[in-house]
N, C-alpha and C. Protein backbone atom coordinates (compact mmCIF):
# COMPACT_ATOMS: atom_id res chain seq x y z
N UNK A 1 -23.49 37.72 23.39
CA UNK A 1 -22.14 37.99 22.77
C UNK A 1 -22.54 39.93 22.30
N UNK A 2 -23.20 40.25 21.84
CA UNK A 2 -23.97 41.63 21.30
C UNK A 2 -24.76 42.30 22.52
N UNK A 3 -24.33 43.36 23.18
CA UNK A 3 -25.02 43.98 23.81
C UNK A 3 -25.82 45.29 22.53
N UNK A 4 -27.08 45.51 22.70
CA UNK A 4 -27.72 46.45 21.77
C UNK A 4 -27.66 47.90 22.42
N UNK A 5 -27.10 48.55 21.21
CA UNK A 5 -27.03 50.34 21.74
C UNK A 5 -28.27 50.76 22.33
N UNK A 6 -28.33 51.46 23.34
CA UNK A 6 -29.53 51.96 24.47
C UNK A 6 -30.05 52.87 23.16
N UNK A 7 -31.11 52.93 23.12
CA UNK A 7 -32.00 53.99 22.48
C UNK A 7 -31.80 55.21 22.14
N UNK A 8 -31.34 55.79 23.75
CA UNK A 8 -30.93 57.43 23.76
C UNK A 8 -29.48 57.29 22.67
N UNK A 9 -28.82 56.41 22.46
CA UNK A 9 -27.57 56.26 21.78
C UNK A 9 -27.95 56.28 20.41
N UNK A 10 -28.77 55.33 19.84
CA UNK A 10 -29.21 55.07 18.69
C UNK A 10 -30.72 55.33 18.50
N UNK A 11 -31.21 55.83 17.72
CA UNK A 11 -33.13 55.89 17.50
C UNK A 11 -33.50 55.24 16.92
N UNK A 12 -32.39 54.34 15.90
CA UNK A 12 -32.74 52.86 15.40
C UNK A 12 -32.68 51.84 15.78
N UNK A 13 -31.93 51.64 17.42
CA UNK A 13 -31.61 50.57 17.82
C UNK A 13 -32.81 50.15 17.91
N UNK A 14 -32.87 48.61 18.03
CA UNK A 14 -34.07 48.01 18.39
C UNK A 14 -33.18 46.73 19.63
N UNK A 15 -34.76 46.17 20.32
CA UNK A 15 -34.15 44.80 21.00
C UNK A 15 -33.36 43.83 20.24
N UNK A 16 -32.42 43.00 20.87
CA UNK A 16 -31.59 42.15 20.22
C UNK A 16 -32.35 41.25 20.80
N UNK A 17 -32.72 40.31 20.01
CA UNK A 17 -33.68 38.89 20.06
C UNK A 17 -32.59 37.99 20.10
N UNK A 18 -32.93 36.36 20.37
CA UNK A 18 -32.17 35.36 20.40
C UNK A 18 -32.07 34.77 19.33
N UNK A 19 -33.00 35.33 18.20
CA UNK A 19 -32.46 35.01 16.36
C UNK A 19 -31.20 36.17 15.74
N UNK A 20 -31.08 37.23 16.34
CA UNK A 20 -30.70 38.36 15.57
C UNK A 20 -29.38 38.80 16.53
N UNK A 21 -28.23 38.63 16.28
CA UNK A 21 -27.16 39.13 16.94
C UNK A 21 -26.10 39.63 16.30
N UNK A 22 -25.49 40.31 16.78
CA UNK A 22 -24.16 40.97 16.00
C UNK A 22 -23.10 41.33 16.24
N UNK A 23 -22.25 41.53 15.99
CA UNK A 23 -20.53 41.80 16.67
C UNK A 23 -20.07 42.51 15.61
N UNK A 24 -19.62 43.55 16.41
CA UNK A 24 -18.31 44.36 15.42
C UNK A 24 -17.20 44.23 15.84
N UNK A 25 -16.35 43.94 15.34
CA UNK A 25 -14.41 44.52 15.72
C UNK A 25 -14.16 45.60 14.94
N UNK A 26 -13.54 46.79 15.56
CA UNK A 26 -12.99 47.97 14.74
C UNK A 26 -12.19 48.58 15.26
N UNK A 27 -11.00 49.45 14.69
CA UNK A 27 -9.98 49.75 15.67
C UNK A 27 -8.89 49.26 15.68
N UNK A 28 -8.67 48.02 15.39
CA UNK A 28 -7.94 47.10 15.90
C UNK A 28 -6.81 47.12 15.01
N UNK A 29 -5.43 46.92 15.33
CA UNK A 29 -4.29 46.58 14.56
C UNK A 29 -4.22 45.32 13.83
N UNK A 30 -3.74 45.79 12.43
CA UNK A 30 -3.24 44.87 11.51
C UNK A 30 -2.51 43.75 12.16
N UNK A 31 -2.85 42.41 11.81
CA UNK A 31 -2.34 41.19 12.71
C UNK A 31 -2.61 40.98 14.08
N UNK A 32 -3.64 41.47 14.35
CA UNK A 32 -3.43 41.29 16.04
C UNK A 32 -4.78 40.42 16.25
N UNK A 33 -5.07 39.51 15.36
CA UNK A 33 -6.01 38.46 15.74
C UNK A 33 -7.65 38.55 15.05
N UNK A 34 -7.92 39.59 14.74
CA UNK A 34 -9.46 39.98 14.24
C UNK A 34 -10.00 38.57 13.60
N UNK A 35 -9.63 38.37 12.56
CA UNK A 35 -9.78 37.05 11.69
C UNK A 35 -9.88 35.75 12.46
N UNK A 36 -8.92 35.45 13.38
CA UNK A 36 -9.19 34.31 13.82
C UNK A 36 -10.15 34.44 15.24
N UNK A 37 -10.27 35.42 15.55
CA UNK A 37 -11.41 35.54 16.77
C UNK A 37 -12.84 35.31 16.03
N UNK A 38 -12.45 36.03 15.18
CA UNK A 38 -14.36 36.02 14.63
C UNK A 38 -14.56 34.67 13.70
N UNK A 39 -13.52 33.72 13.10
CA UNK A 39 -13.43 32.67 12.66
C UNK A 39 -14.03 31.73 14.13
N UNK A 40 -13.40 31.54 15.63
CA UNK A 40 -13.78 30.92 16.56
C UNK A 40 -15.19 31.24 16.85
N UNK A 41 -15.50 32.47 16.56
CA UNK A 41 -17.24 32.93 17.28
C UNK A 41 -17.74 32.09 16.54
N UNK A 42 -17.59 32.27 14.84
CA UNK A 42 -18.61 31.91 14.10
C UNK A 42 -18.86 30.11 14.40
N UNK A 43 -17.37 29.42 14.91
CA UNK A 43 -17.27 28.00 15.07
C UNK A 43 -18.24 27.71 16.65
N UNK A 44 -18.15 28.66 17.07
CA UNK A 44 -18.87 28.51 18.95
C UNK A 44 -20.52 28.99 18.16
N UNK A 45 -20.73 29.68 17.56
CA UNK A 45 -22.12 29.82 17.07
C UNK A 45 -22.86 28.37 16.59
N UNK A 46 -22.27 28.00 15.68
CA UNK A 46 -22.56 26.97 15.03
C UNK A 46 -22.15 25.41 15.92
N UNK A 47 -21.86 25.43 16.55
CA UNK A 47 -21.23 24.52 17.61
C UNK A 47 -22.54 24.14 18.65
N UNK A 48 -23.02 25.64 18.90
CA UNK A 48 -24.07 25.81 19.59
C UNK A 48 -25.78 25.68 19.40
N UNK A 49 -25.50 25.40 17.80
CA UNK A 49 -26.81 25.40 17.40
C UNK A 49 -27.38 26.46 16.53
N UNK A 50 -26.49 27.59 16.50
CA UNK A 50 -26.91 28.58 16.11
C UNK A 50 -26.17 28.82 14.37
N UNK A 51 -26.79 29.74 13.72
CA UNK A 51 -26.02 29.93 12.78
C UNK A 51 -25.25 31.24 12.60
N UNK A 52 -24.32 31.39 11.95
CA UNK A 52 -23.31 32.79 11.90
C UNK A 52 -22.85 32.97 10.09
N UNK A 53 -22.62 34.27 9.84
CA UNK A 53 -21.61 34.70 9.18
C UNK A 53 -20.60 35.54 9.41
N UNK A 54 -19.94 35.76 8.81
CA UNK A 54 -18.68 36.94 9.16
C UNK A 54 -18.59 37.36 7.51
N UNK A 55 -18.32 38.94 7.58
CA UNK A 55 -17.81 39.61 6.64
C UNK A 55 -16.77 40.51 7.04
N UNK A 56 -16.10 41.25 5.82
CA UNK A 56 -14.83 42.11 6.57
C UNK A 56 -15.18 43.42 5.68
N UNK A 57 -14.87 44.37 6.14
CA UNK A 57 -14.71 45.78 5.48
C UNK A 57 -13.80 45.09 4.06
N UNK A 58 -12.80 44.46 3.98
CA UNK A 58 -12.31 43.81 3.03
C UNK A 58 -13.07 43.50 2.12
N UNK A 59 -14.18 43.20 2.22
CA UNK A 59 -14.96 42.22 1.07
C UNK A 59 -15.83 43.35 0.74
N UNK A 60 -15.65 44.71 0.75
CA UNK A 60 -16.45 45.68 0.35
C UNK A 60 -16.14 46.53 -0.57
N UNK A 61 -14.86 46.13 -1.09
CA UNK A 61 -13.51 47.29 -1.93
C UNK A 61 -14.46 47.79 -3.00
N UNK A 62 -14.10 48.77 -3.61
CA UNK A 62 -14.74 49.20 -4.72
C UNK A 62 -14.40 48.16 -5.99
N UNK A 63 -15.29 47.78 -6.71
CA UNK A 63 -14.69 46.94 -8.10
C UNK A 63 -13.48 47.76 -8.79
N UNK A 64 -12.71 46.98 -9.08
CA UNK A 64 -11.49 47.81 -9.83
C UNK A 64 -11.80 48.87 -10.90
N UNK A 65 -12.64 49.03 -11.88
CA UNK A 65 -12.74 49.81 -12.85
C UNK A 65 -13.31 50.62 -11.77
N UNK A 66 -14.26 50.82 -10.61
CA UNK A 66 -14.61 51.88 -10.38
C UNK A 66 -13.40 52.82 -9.52
N UNK A 67 -12.69 51.89 -8.84
CA UNK A 67 -11.39 52.45 -8.14
C UNK A 67 -10.44 53.10 -8.84
N UNK A 68 -10.54 52.47 -10.37
CA UNK A 68 -9.03 53.28 -11.12
C UNK A 68 -10.01 54.72 -11.69
N UNK A 69 -11.78 54.87 -11.87
CA UNK A 69 -12.22 55.95 -11.84
C UNK A 69 -11.92 57.08 -10.93
N UNK A 70 -12.37 56.33 -9.22
CA UNK A 70 -11.93 57.28 -8.32
C UNK A 70 -10.55 57.96 -8.39
N UNK A 71 -9.54 56.86 -8.64
CA UNK A 71 -8.05 57.60 -8.89
C UNK A 71 -8.18 58.50 -9.72
N UNK A 72 -8.59 58.38 -10.93
CA UNK A 72 -8.56 59.58 -11.73
C UNK A 72 -9.43 60.65 -11.87
N UNK A 73 -10.21 60.81 -10.96
CA UNK A 73 -11.36 61.88 -10.60
C UNK A 73 -10.76 62.38 -9.80
N UNK A 74 -9.59 62.11 -9.23
CA UNK A 74 -9.14 62.83 -7.86
C UNK A 74 -7.37 62.20 -8.08
N UNK A 75 -6.99 63.43 -8.93
CA UNK A 75 -5.54 62.56 -9.49
C UNK A 75 -4.71 63.47 -8.03
N UNK A 76 -4.84 64.24 -7.63
CA UNK A 76 -4.00 64.86 -6.32
C UNK A 76 -4.26 64.14 -5.05
N UNK A 77 -5.12 63.41 -4.79
CA UNK A 77 -5.85 62.60 -3.49
C UNK A 77 -4.71 61.16 -3.85
N UNK A 78 -3.57 61.38 -2.99
CA UNK A 78 -2.88 60.03 -3.05
C UNK A 78 -3.64 58.82 -2.39
N UNK A 79 -4.21 59.51 -1.17
CA UNK A 79 -5.09 58.14 -0.35
C UNK A 79 -6.09 57.59 -1.46
N UNK A 80 -6.36 58.11 -2.38
CA UNK A 80 -7.62 57.60 -3.43
C UNK A 80 -7.10 56.42 -4.15
N UNK A 81 -5.73 56.47 -4.15
CA UNK A 81 -5.02 56.01 -5.67
C UNK A 81 -5.05 54.19 -5.93
N UNK A 82 -4.92 53.83 -3.91
CA UNK A 82 -5.04 52.47 -4.02
C UNK A 82 -5.97 52.06 -2.77
N UNK A 83 -6.43 50.96 -3.20
CA UNK A 83 -7.78 50.34 -2.28
C UNK A 83 -7.30 50.39 -0.81
N UNK A 84 -8.37 50.59 0.09
CA UNK A 84 -8.05 50.46 1.69
C UNK A 84 -7.88 51.44 2.43
N UNK A 85 -7.95 52.73 1.69
CA UNK A 85 -8.03 53.74 2.38
C UNK A 85 -9.47 54.36 2.26
N UNK A 86 -10.07 55.16 3.20
CA UNK A 86 -11.69 55.98 3.70
C UNK A 86 -11.90 56.32 1.76
N UNK A 87 -12.99 56.15 1.34
CA UNK A 87 -13.51 56.56 0.24
C UNK A 87 -13.08 55.46 -0.97
N UNK A 88 -12.33 54.21 -0.32
CA UNK A 88 -12.00 53.16 -1.78
C UNK A 88 -13.11 52.03 -1.20
N UNK A 89 -14.13 52.10 -0.47
CA UNK A 89 -15.15 50.94 0.17
C UNK A 89 -16.39 51.07 -0.78
N UNK A 90 -17.22 50.03 -1.34
CA UNK A 90 -18.37 49.75 -1.92
C UNK A 90 -19.53 50.11 -0.83
N UNK A 91 -19.92 51.45 -0.33
CA UNK A 91 -20.36 51.46 1.17
C UNK A 91 -22.05 51.18 0.96
N UNK A 92 -22.45 51.27 -0.19
CA UNK A 92 -23.80 50.89 -0.67
C UNK A 92 -24.22 49.11 -0.70
N UNK A 93 -22.99 48.51 -1.37
CA UNK A 93 -22.78 47.11 -1.31
C UNK A 93 -22.96 46.52 0.19
N UNK A 94 -21.97 47.18 1.19
CA UNK A 94 -22.15 46.66 2.33
C UNK A 94 -23.20 47.23 3.60
N UNK A 95 -23.32 48.22 3.41
CA UNK A 95 -24.96 48.74 3.89
C UNK A 95 -26.32 47.39 3.55
N UNK A 96 -26.19 47.33 2.29
CA UNK A 96 -27.23 46.61 1.88
C UNK A 96 -26.57 44.89 2.18
N UNK A 97 -25.60 44.59 2.05
CA UNK A 97 -25.33 43.23 2.73
C UNK A 97 -25.83 42.81 4.40
N UNK A 98 -25.47 43.97 5.21
CA UNK A 98 -25.71 43.80 6.67
C UNK A 98 -26.99 43.60 6.61
N UNK A 99 -27.71 44.49 6.00
CA UNK A 99 -29.09 44.49 6.18
C UNK A 99 -29.87 43.41 6.04
N UNK A 100 -29.34 43.06 4.76
CA UNK A 100 -30.07 41.42 4.47
C UNK A 100 -29.76 40.35 5.34
N UNK A 101 -28.19 40.15 5.55
CA UNK A 101 -28.31 39.24 6.84
C UNK A 101 -29.07 39.14 8.24
N UNK A 102 -29.27 40.79 8.65
CA UNK A 102 -29.82 41.31 9.24
C UNK A 102 -31.22 40.76 9.52
N UNK A 103 -32.05 40.70 8.07
CA UNK A 103 -33.19 40.34 7.66
C UNK A 103 -33.42 39.00 7.81
N UNK A 104 -32.61 38.16 7.63
CA UNK A 104 -32.82 36.40 7.43
C UNK A 104 -33.20 36.11 9.33
N UNK A 105 -34.64 35.69 8.97
CA UNK A 105 -34.72 35.61 10.27
C UNK A 105 -35.71 34.10 10.29
N UNK A 106 -36.02 33.58 9.12
CA UNK A 106 -36.64 32.30 9.01
C UNK A 106 -35.80 31.08 9.23
N UNK A 107 -36.01 30.21 9.96
CA UNK A 107 -35.28 29.26 10.04
C UNK A 107 -35.10 28.52 8.50
N UNK A 108 -33.92 28.26 8.57
CA UNK A 108 -33.06 27.70 6.97
C UNK A 108 -32.70 28.64 6.29
N UNK A 109 -33.35 30.17 6.06
CA UNK A 109 -32.94 31.15 5.17
C UNK A 109 -31.63 31.18 5.42
N UNK A 110 -31.13 31.68 4.06
CA UNK A 110 -29.46 31.66 3.84
C UNK A 110 -29.07 32.89 2.67
N UNK A 111 -27.97 33.26 2.55
CA UNK A 111 -27.90 33.96 1.18
C UNK A 111 -26.42 33.60 1.18
N UNK A 112 -25.65 34.56 0.48
CA UNK A 112 -24.15 34.43 -0.39
C UNK A 112 -24.01 35.89 0.48
N UNK A 113 -22.63 35.84 1.11
CA UNK A 113 -21.58 37.28 1.19
C UNK A 113 -20.55 37.55 0.20
N UNK A 114 -20.14 38.69 -0.13
CA UNK A 114 -19.07 38.95 -0.39
C UNK A 114 -18.06 38.19 -0.22
């Protein structure tokens, strides 16, 4: 499912091992079936003996109090008034979650995702 980025495209890219795979879907229209296909892929991985987890950018919105603080600190920027636009996600939480998921290499290892 996943082809690793060639090293010349990303110096941090490493080989994709049998134990560690990932897929990313982005830039697709709302309502086009992203969630449906991810759910099907997750079932396929589990059906074939693999383990899978899925997360969405929607899982990483700023906490409500942080969103209010962001909106109030930029009153002239209407894009920051509501969640969903660039700048309204908790990037640190997203990065830490993906890194933790990628680090799960031991059989039976698990974690909760947002």
